[in-house]
Amino acid sequence: MSTVTSYDDALGFLPTANKDPKRRSLLAKIRLIAQAVHEGHVAARRYQELTAQGVPHDKAATQVFAELYRAD
């Protein structure tokens, strides 16, 4: 039988006790990738809409980034 020397040691039976808090679960990583792909599709669609309306390519790209990725 081991001796508990701290409060944290006593919680060693919990599923999250031995996990690094900075380490993401596989599901969280998949969710993050899916979100990034979705944002890319939204940006591409908006870019296509602008260029179809006759907006020059460089201005369309600048506008898409300004609309979707501006700092709040």
PDB file of N, CA and C in Angstrom:
ATOM      1  N   MET A   1       0.845  -1.188   0.000  1.00  0.00           N
ATOM      2  CA  MET A   1       0.000   0.000   0.000  1.00  0.00           C
ATOM      3  C   MET A   1       0.881   1.238   0.000  1.00  0.00           C
ATOM      4  N   SER A   2       0.556   2.189  -0.880  1.00  0.00           N
ATOM      5  CA  SER A   2       1.362   3.403  -0.966  1.00  0.00           C
ATOM      6  C   SER A   2       0.814   4.477  -0.032  1.00  0.00           C
ATOM      7  N   THR A   3       1.678   5.376   0.327  1.00  0.00           N
ATOM      8  CA  THR A   3       1.306   6.471   1.215  1.00  0.00           C
ATOM      9  C   THR A   3       1.071   7.725   0.385  1.00  0.00           C
ATOM     10  N   VAL A   4      -0.031   8.393   0.658  1.00  0.00           N
ATOM     11  CA  VAL A   4      -0.361   9.634  -0.027  1.00  0.00           C
ATOM     12  C   VAL A   4       0.365  10.765   0.679  1.00  0.00           C
ATOM     13  N   THR A   5       1.144  11.536  -0.094  1.00  0.00           N
ATOM     14  CA  THR A   5       1.915  12.621   0.504  1.00  0.00           C
ATOM     15  C   THR A   5       1.375  14.011   0.178  1.00  0.00           C
ATOM     16  N   SER A   6       0.442  14.098  -0.756  1.00  0.00           N
ATOM     17  CA  SER A   6      -0.145  15.399  -1.076  1.00  0.00           C
ATOM     18  C   SER A   6      -1.585  15.205  -1.557  1.00  0.00           C
ATOM     19  N   TYR A   7      -2.286  16.306  -1.609  1.00  0.00           N
ATOM     20  CA  TYR A   7      -3.664  16.280  -2.077  1.00  0.00           C
ATOM     21  C   TYR A   7      -3.731  15.803  -3.522  1.00  0.00           C
ATOM     22  N   ASP A   8      -2.793  16.256  -4.363  1.00  0.00           N
ATOM     23  CA  ASP A   8      -2.780  15.849  -5.763  1.00  0.00           C
ATOM     24  C   ASP A   8      -2.556  14.351  -5.911  1.00  0.00           C
ATOM     25  N   ASP A   9      -1.718  13.786  -5.078  1.00  0.00           N
ATOM     26  CA  ASP A   9      -1.493  12.342  -5.117  1.00  0.00           C
ATOM     27  C   ASP A   9      -2.772  11.581  -4.778  1.00  0.00           C
ATOM     28  N   ALA A  10      -3.581  12.129  -3.910  1.00  0.00           N
ATOM     29  CA  ALA A  10      -4.823  11.475  -3.508  1.00  0.00           C
ATOM     30  C   ALA A  10      -5.831  11.440  -4.651  1.00  0.00           C
ATOM     31  N   LEU A  11      -5.697  12.348  -5.588  1.00  0.00           N
ATOM     32  CA  LEU A  11      -6.626  12.410  -6.720  1.00  0.00           C
ATOM     33  C   LEU A  11      -6.126  11.632  -7.925  1.00  0.00           C
ATOM     34  N   GLY A  12      -5.122  10.813  -7.756  1.00  0.00           N
ATOM     35  CA  GLY A  12      -4.531  10.069  -8.848  1.00  0.00           C
ATOM     36  C   GLY A  12      -5.461   9.088  -9.527  1.00  0.00           C
ATOM     37  N   PHE A  13      -6.573   8.744  -8.904  1.00  0.00           N
ATOM     38  CA  PHE A  13      -7.517   7.801  -9.493  1.00  0.00           C
ATOM     39  C   PHE A  13      -8.414   8.443 -10.537  1.00  0.00           C
ATOM     40  N   LEU A  14      -8.462   9.787 -10.570  1.00  0.00           N
ATOM     41  CA  LEU A  14      -9.321  10.474 -11.534  1.00  0.00           C
ATOM     42  C   LEU A  14      -8.762  10.339 -12.947  1.00  0.00           C
ATOM     43  N   PRO A  15      -9.623  10.237 -13.964  1.00  0.00           N
ATOM     44  CA  PRO A  15      -9.150  10.067 -15.343  1.00  0.00           C
ATOM     45  C   PRO A  15      -8.289  11.224 -15.838  1.00  0.00           C
ATOM     46  N   THR A  16      -8.514  12.417 -15.330  1.00  0.00           N
ATOM     47  CA  THR A  16      -7.760  13.581 -15.794  1.00  0.00           C
ATOM     48  C   THR A  16      -6.518  13.839 -14.953  1.00  0.00           C
ATOM     49  N   ALA A  17      -6.268  13.049 -13.949  1.00  0.00           N
ATOM     50  CA  ALA A  17      -5.168  13.324 -13.024  1.00  0.00           C
ATOM     51  C   ALA A  17      -3.805  13.238 -13.685  1.00  0.00           C
ATOM     52  N   ASN A  18      -3.612  12.321 -14.603  1.00  0.00           N
ATOM     53  CA  ASN A  18      -2.306  12.127 -15.204  1.00  0.00           C
ATOM     54  C   ASN A  18      -2.186  12.727 -16.599  1.00  0.00           C
ATOM     55  N   LYS A  19      -3.143  13.529 -17.002  1.00  0.00           N
ATOM     56  CA  LYS A  19      -3.115  14.130 -18.337  1.00  0.00           C
ATOM     57  C   LYS A  19      -2.479  15.505 -18.285  1.00  0.00           C
ATOM     58  N   ASP A  20      -1.741  15.821 -19.325  1.00  0.00           N
ATOM     59  CA  ASP A  20      -1.168  17.142 -19.474  1.00  0.00           C
ATOM     60  C   ASP A  20      -2.291  18.077 -19.920  1.00  0.00           C
ATOM     61  N   PRO A  21      -2.537  19.192 -19.215  1.00  0.00           N
ATOM     62  CA  PRO A  21      -3.647  20.071 -19.589  1.00  0.00           C
ATOM     63  C   PRO A  21      -3.472  20.712 -20.965  1.00  0.00           C
ATOM     64  N   LYS A  22      -2.236  20.801 -21.457  1.00  0.00           N
ATOM     65  CA  LYS A  22      -1.998  21.387 -22.776  1.00  0.00           C
ATOM     66  C   LYS A  22      -2.219  20.385 -23.892  1.00  0.00           C
ATOM     67  N   ARG A  23      -2.298  19.131 -23.554  1.00  0.00           N
ATOM     68  CA  ARG A  23      -2.461  18.088 -24.568  1.00  0.00           C
ATOM     69  C   ARG A  23      -3.939  17.962 -24.943  1.00  0.00           C
ATOM     70  N   ARG A  24      -4.220  18.048 -26.207  1.00  0.00           N
ATOM     71  CA  ARG A  24      -5.607  17.979 -26.673  1.00  0.00           C
ATOM     72  C   ARG A  24      -5.989  16.542 -26.972  1.00  0.00           C
ATOM     73  N   SER A  25      -7.245  16.257 -26.774  1.00  0.00           N
ATOM     74  CA  SER A  25      -7.744  14.933 -27.112  1.00  0.00           C
ATOM     75  C   SER A  25      -7.861  14.801 -28.621  1.00  0.00           C
ATOM     76  N   LEU A  26      -7.958  13.594 -29.091  1.00  0.00           N
ATOM     77  CA  LEU A  26      -8.087  13.341 -30.523  1.00  0.00           C
ATOM     78  C   LEU A  26      -9.343  13.999 -31.067  1.00  0.00           C
ATOM     79  N   LEU A  27     -10.425  13.932 -30.332  1.00  0.00           N
ATOM     80  CA  LEU A  27     -11.677  14.545 -30.775  1.00  0.00           C
ATOM     81  C   LEU A  27     -11.531  16.062 -30.896  1.00  0.00           C
ATOM     82  N   ALA A  28     -10.835  16.675 -29.966  1.00  0.00           N
ATOM     83  CA  ALA A  28     -10.632  18.122 -30.025  1.00  0.00           C
ATOM     84  C   ALA A  28      -9.791  18.495 -31.237  1.00  0.00           C
ATOM     85  N   LYS A  29      -8.800  17.677 -31.559  1.00  0.00           N
ATOM     86  CA  LYS A  29      -7.967  17.937 -32.736  1.00  0.00           C
ATOM     87  C   LYS A  29      -8.780  17.807 -34.016  1.00  0.00           C
ATOM     88  N   ILE A  30      -9.614  16.786 -34.103  1.00  0.00           N
ATOM     89  CA  ILE A  30     -10.458  16.586 -35.282  1.00  0.00           C
ATOM     90  C   ILE A  30     -11.444  17.738 -35.426  1.00  0.00           C
ATOM     91  N   ARG A  31     -12.008  18.175 -34.324  1.00  0.00           N
ATOM     92  CA  ARG A  31     -12.947  19.303 -34.343  1.00  0.00           C
ATOM     93  C   ARG A  31     -12.244  20.572 -34.830  1.00  0.00           C
ATOM     94  N   LEU A  32     -11.026  20.800 -34.382  1.00  0.00           N
ATOM     95  CA  LEU A  32     -10.268  21.975 -34.795  1.00  0.00           C
ATOM     96  C   LEU A  32      -9.960  21.937 -36.294  1.00  0.00           C
ATOM     97  N   ILE A  33      -9.596  20.781 -36.802  1.00  0.00           N
ATOM     98  CA  ILE A  33      -9.319  20.625 -38.236  1.00  0.00           C
ATOM     99  C   ILE A  33     -10.587  20.856 -39.051  1.00  0.00           C
ATOM    100  N   ALA A  34     -11.700  20.293 -38.607  1.00  0.00           N
ATOM    101  CA  ALA A  34     -12.971  20.471 -39.320  1.00  0.00           C
ATOM    102  C   ALA A  34     -13.392  21.940 -39.339  1.00  0.00           C
ATOM    103  N   GLN A  35     -13.179  22.622 -38.239  1.00  0.00           N
ATOM    104  CA  GLN A  35     -13.512  24.043 -38.177  1.00  0.00           C
ATOM    105  C   GLN A  35     -12.640  24.851 -39.142  1.00  0.00           C
ATOM    106  N   ALA A  36     -11.367  24.523 -39.221  1.00  0.00           N
ATOM    107  CA  ALA A  36     -10.462  25.231 -40.135  1.00  0.00           C
ATOM    108  C   ALA A  36     -10.848  24.989 -41.593  1.00  0.00           C
ATOM    109  N   VAL A  37     -11.200  23.757 -41.925  1.00  0.00           N
ATOM    110  CA  VAL A  37     -11.622  23.443 -43.295  1.00  0.00           C
ATOM    111  C   VAL A  37     -12.904  24.193 -43.629  1.00  0.00           C
ATOM    112  N   HIS A  38     -13.840  24.233 -42.693  1.00  0.00           N
ATOM    113  CA  HIS A  38     -15.094  24.962 -42.902  1.00  0.00           C
ATOM    114  C   HIS A  38     -14.826  26.448 -43.144  1.00  0.00           C
ATOM    115  N   GLU A  39     -13.968  27.050 -42.328  1.00  0.00           N
ATOM    116  CA  GLU A  39     -13.646  28.464 -42.504  1.00  0.00           C
ATOM    117  C   GLU A  39     -12.991  28.709 -43.864  1.00  0.00           C
ATOM    118  N   GLY A  40     -12.166  27.782 -44.302  1.00  0.00           N
ATOM    119  CA  GLY A  40     -11.540  27.903 -45.618  1.00  0.00           C
ATOM    120  C   GLY A  40     -12.560  27.866 -46.736  1.00  0.00           C
ATOM    121  N   HIS A  41     -13.562  26.996 -46.600  1.00  0.00           N
ATOM    122  CA  HIS A  41     -14.625  26.915 -47.615  1.00  0.00           C
ATOM    123  C   HIS A  41     -15.457  28.203 -47.634  1.00  0.00           C
ATOM    124  N   VAL A  42     -15.733  28.737 -46.463  1.00  0.00           N
ATOM    125  CA  VAL A  42     -16.495  29.989 -46.391  1.00  0.00           C
ATOM    126  C   VAL A  42     -15.711  31.115 -47.056  1.00  0.00           C
ATOM    127  N   ALA A  43     -14.418  31.189 -46.791  1.00  0.00           N
ATOM    128  CA  ALA A  43     -13.588  32.231 -47.391  1.00  0.00           C
ATOM    129  C   ALA A  43     -13.509  32.065 -48.905  1.00  0.00           C
ATOM    130  N   ALA A  44     -13.359  30.827 -49.363  1.00  0.00           N
ATOM    131  CA  ALA A  44     -13.277  30.575 -50.806  1.00  0.00           C
ATOM    132  C   ALA A  44     -14.581  30.954 -51.503  1.00  0.00           C
ATOM    133  N   ARG A  45     -15.697  30.636 -50.877  1.00  0.00           N
ATOM    134  CA  ARG A  45     -17.003  30.959 -51.461  1.00  0.00           C
ATOM    135  C   ARG A  45     -17.197  32.469 -51.551  1.00  0.00           C
ATOM    136  N   ARG A  46     -16.816  33.176 -50.504  1.00  0.00           N
ATOM    137  CA  ARG A  46     -16.953  34.636 -50.511  1.00  0.00           C
ATOM    138  C   ARG A  46     -16.051  35.259 -51.572  1.00  0.00           C
ATOM    139  N   TYR A  47     -14.843  34.724 -51.714  1.00  0.00           N
ATOM    140  CA  TYR A  47     -13.910  35.198 -52.739  1.00  0.00           C
ATOM    141  C   TYR A  47     -14.506  34.988 -54.134  1.00  0.00           C
ATOM    142  N   GLN A  48     -15.094  33.820 -54.364  1.00  0.00           N
ATOM    143  CA  GLN A  48     -15.712  33.533 -55.663  1.00  0.00           C
ATOM    144  C   GLN A  48     -16.871  34.482 -55.952  1.00  0.00           C
ATOM    145  N   GLU A  49     -17.660  34.786 -54.918  1.00  0.00           N
ATOM    146  CA  GLU A  49     -18.768  35.724 -55.103  1.00  0.00           C
ATOM    147  C   GLU A  49     -18.258  37.103 -55.518  1.00  0.00           C
ATOM    148  N   LEU A  50     -17.214  37.559 -54.846  1.00  0.00           N
ATOM    149  CA  LEU A  50     -16.676  38.887 -55.150  1.00  0.00           C
ATOM    150  C   LEU A  50     -16.069  38.943 -56.545  1.00  0.00           C
ATOM    151  N   THR A  51     -15.297  37.927 -56.914  1.00  0.00           N
ATOM    152  CA  THR A  51     -14.682  37.947 -58.253  1.00  0.00           C
ATOM    153  C   THR A  51     -15.738  37.795 -59.340  1.00  0.00           C
ATOM    154  N   ALA A  52     -16.805  37.083 -59.076  1.00  0.00           N
ATOM    155  CA  ALA A  52     -17.893  36.945 -60.047  1.00  0.00           C
ATOM    156  C   ALA A  52     -18.611  38.282 -60.253  1.00  0.00           C
ATOM    157  N   GLN A  53     -18.573  39.144 -59.254  1.00  0.00           N
ATOM    158  CA  GLN A  53     -19.185  40.472 -59.359  1.00  0.00           C
ATOM    159  C   GLN A  53     -18.249  41.485 -60.003  1.00  0.00           C
ATOM    160  N   GLY A  54     -17.045  41.028 -60.385  1.00  0.00           N
ATOM    161  CA  GLY A  54     -16.118  41.917 -61.076  1.00  0.00           C
ATOM    162  C   GLY A  54     -15.078  42.589 -60.190  1.00  0.00           C
ATOM    163  N   VAL A  55     -15.032  42.225 -58.925  1.00  0.00           N
ATOM    164  CA  VAL A  55     -14.021  42.788 -58.028  1.00  0.00           C
ATOM    165  C   VAL A  55     -12.669  42.184 -58.404  1.00  0.00           C
ATOM    166  N   PRO A  56     -11.618  43.001 -58.560  1.00  0.00           N
ATOM    167  CA  PRO A  56     -10.296  42.463 -58.890  1.00  0.00           C
ATOM    168  C   PRO A  56      -9.818  41.461 -57.834  1.00  0.00           C
ATOM    169  N   HIS A  57      -8.996  40.522 -58.288  1.00  0.00           N
ATOM    170  CA  HIS A  57      -8.570  39.428 -57.413  1.00  0.00           C
ATOM    171  C   HIS A  57      -7.882  39.899 -56.138  1.00  0.00           C
ATOM    172  N   ASP A  58      -6.980  40.849 -56.250  1.00  0.00           N
ATOM    173  CA  ASP A  58      -6.262  41.304 -55.061  1.00  0.00           C
ATOM    174  C   ASP A  58      -7.180  42.010 -54.074  1.00  0.00           C
ATOM    175  N   LYS A  59      -8.116  42.795 -54.582  1.00  0.00           N
ATOM    176  CA  LYS A  59      -9.066  43.479 -53.709  1.00  0.00           C
ATOM    177  C   LYS A  59     -10.048  42.487 -53.087  1.00  0.00           C
ATOM    178  N   ALA A  60     -10.442  41.477 -53.847  1.00  0.00           N
ATOM    179  CA  ALA A  60     -11.355  40.457 -53.315  1.00  0.00           C
ATOM    180  C   ALA A  60     -10.696  39.687 -52.173  1.00  0.00           C
ATOM    181  N   ALA A  61      -9.436  39.310 -52.371  1.00  0.00           N
ATOM    182  CA  ALA A  61      -8.725  38.579 -51.322  1.00  0.00           C
ATOM    183  C   ALA A  61      -8.574  39.436 -50.067  1.00  0.00           C
ATOM    184  N   THR A  62      -8.222  40.691 -50.255  1.00  0.00           N
ATOM    185  CA  THR A  62      -8.080  41.610 -49.117  1.00  0.00           C
ATOM    186  C   THR A  62      -9.398  41.772 -48.384  1.00  0.00           C
ATOM    187  N   GLN A  63     -10.476  41.903 -49.137  1.00  0.00           N
ATOM    188  CA  GLN A  63     -11.794  42.086 -48.524  1.00  0.00           C
ATOM    189  C   GLN A  63     -12.226  40.840 -47.764  1.00  0.00           C
ATOM    190  N   VAL A  64     -11.976  39.659 -48.320  1.00  0.00           N
ATOM    191  CA  VAL A  64     -12.349  38.415 -47.640  1.00  0.00           C
ATOM    192  C   VAL A  64     -11.606  38.292 -46.307  1.00  0.00           C
ATOM    193  N   PHE A  65     -10.314  38.555 -46.326  1.00  0.00           N
ATOM    194  CA  PHE A  65      -9.558  38.486 -45.078  1.00  0.00           C
ATOM    195  C   PHE A  65     -10.035  39.531 -44.079  1.00  0.00           C
ATOM    196  N   ALA A  66     -10.372  40.708 -44.555  1.00  0.00           N
ATOM    197  CA  ALA A  66     -10.867  41.754 -43.659  1.00  0.00           C
ATOM    198  C   ALA A  66     -12.205  41.359 -43.036  1.00  0.00           C
ATOM    199  N   GLU A  67     -13.078  40.745 -43.817  1.00  0.00           N
ATOM    200  CA  GLU A  67     -14.399  40.356 -43.317  1.00  0.00           C
ATOM    201  C   GLU A  67     -14.335  39.172 -42.362  1.00  0.00           C
ATOM    202  N   LEU A  68     -13.555  38.161 -42.720  1.00  0.00           N
ATOM    203  CA  LEU A  68     -13.593  36.912 -41.973  1.00  0.00           C
ATOM    204  C   LEU A  68     -12.545  36.790 -40.879  1.00  0.00           C
ATOM    205  N   TYR A  69     -11.424  37.464 -41.036  1.00  0.00           N
ATOM    206  CA  TYR A  69     -10.322  37.245 -40.101  1.00  0.00           C
ATOM    207  C   TYR A  69      -9.872  38.519 -39.401  1.00  0.00           C
ATOM    208  N   ARG A  70     -10.736  39.486 -39.327  1.00  0.00           N
ATOM    209  CA  ARG A  70     -10.361  40.723 -38.637  1.00  0.00           C
ATOM    210  C   ARG A  70     -10.238  40.465 -37.138  1.00  0.00           C
ATOM    211  N   ALA A  71      -9.369  41.207 -36.508  1.00  0.00           N
ATOM    212  CA  ALA A  71      -9.189  41.094 -35.050  1.00  0.00           C
ATOM    213  C   ALA A  71     -10.341  41.789 -34.353  1.00  0.00           C
ATOM    214  N   ASP A  72     -10.896  41.114 -33.372  1.00  0.00           N
ATOM    215  CA  ASP A  72     -12.029  41.710 -32.637  1.00  0.00           C
ATOM    216  C   ASP A  72     -11.550  42.538 -31.480  1.00  0.00           C
TER     217      ASP A  72
END
